[in-house]
Every structure is written in C-alpha cells, then in structure tokens.
Amino acid sequence: MKACTVCKMISNKDHCPSCGSPTSDNWSGLLIITDPGDSAIAKELNIKIPGEYCLRVR
C-alpha cells in the first residue's frame, strides 16, 4: 500500500487516483472515511472523497 504525498489517500498505484500526485511507501496512521460530509475529522483534514487515508506521509 502507498499513500499520496499531497492528499494522503492510500492506494496500490504509483500515482494517486484522486489527484495524480506521486505516492510513497513511507506512511503511518490509517484513517478510514466513509461519510466525509458528516465527519468532523474529514472536515478538519479537508477530505471530500470517501476512502482510506494516512495521517503522516514522507
């Protein structure tokens, strides 16, 4: 699994399916957002698309 260096979305690809930025293997902290409209954490992190995200990526 890899995480986007910009939006922090987790995927298996070399480039993020959401924003097209490069991804990294060096990440930590798993966050699963199912309903971004109702989630205070999603609003705080400016997440608008449901999915898996990391908290820290290098």
Protein backbone atom coordinates (compact mmCIF):
# COMPACT_ATOMS: atom_id res chain seq x y z
CA MET A 1 0.00 0.00 0.00
CA LYS A 2 1.18 3.50 -0.84
CA ALA A 3 -0.03 6.94 0.24
CA CYS A 4 -0.30 10.11 -1.82
CA THR A 5 2.24 12.75 -0.83
CA VAL A 6 -0.33 15.54 -1.30
CA CYS A 7 -3.86 14.39 -0.36
CA LYS A 8 -2.76 11.33 1.72
CA MET A 9 -5.18 8.89 0.02
CA ILE A 10 -3.98 5.28 0.21
CA SER A 11 -3.86 3.10 -2.93
CA ASN A 12 -1.71 0.46 -4.63
CA LYS A 13 -0.72 2.73 -7.52
CA ASP A 14 2.41 4.80 -8.20
CA HIS A 15 0.26 7.90 -8.73
CA CYS A 16 -2.77 8.94 -6.69
CA PRO A 17 -6.13 8.06 -8.31
CA SER A 18 -7.65 11.19 -6.75
CA CYS A 19 -5.16 13.99 -7.52
CA GLY A 20 -2.47 12.36 -9.71
CA SER A 21 0.44 13.14 -7.38
CA PRO A 22 3.22 10.60 -6.67
CA THR A 23 2.76 8.10 -3.84
CA SER A 24 5.15 6.91 -1.13
CA ASP A 25 5.67 3.67 0.79
CA ASN A 26 6.72 5.64 3.86
CA TRP A 27 3.49 6.49 5.70
CA SER A 28 1.82 5.86 9.06
CA GLY A 29 -1.59 6.10 10.69
CA LEU A 30 -4.65 4.66 8.95
CA LEU A 31 -7.84 6.73 8.74
CA ILE A 32 -10.98 5.37 7.05
CA ILE A 33 -13.53 7.96 5.98
CA THR A 34 -16.94 6.58 4.98
CA ASP A 35 -19.04 9.78 5.04
CA PRO A 36 -16.93 12.93 4.59
CA GLY A 37 -19.98 15.21 4.89
CA ASP A 38 -20.76 14.01 8.43
CA SER A 39 -17.18 13.57 9.67
CA ALA A 40 -15.58 16.28 11.79
CA ILE A 41 -12.15 14.73 11.15
CA ALA A 42 -12.74 14.79 7.36
CA LYS A 43 -13.70 18.46 7.56
CA GLU A 44 -10.60 19.23 9.64
CA LEU A 45 -8.34 17.46 7.11
CA ASN A 46 -10.27 18.81 4.09
CA ILE A 47 -11.20 15.32 2.85
CA LYS A 48 -14.14 15.25 0.42
CA ILE A 49 -13.87 11.72 -1.07
CA PRO A 50 -14.61 8.56 0.98
CA GLY A 51 -11.68 6.15 1.28
CA GLU A 52 -8.58 5.22 3.22
CA TYR A 53 -6.12 7.95 4.19
CA CYS A 54 -2.92 8.15 6.20
CA LEU A 55 -2.12 10.62 8.93
CA ARG A 56 1.56 11.08 8.07
CA VAL A 57 3.42 10.54 4.80
CA ARG A 58 7.07 11.21 3.93
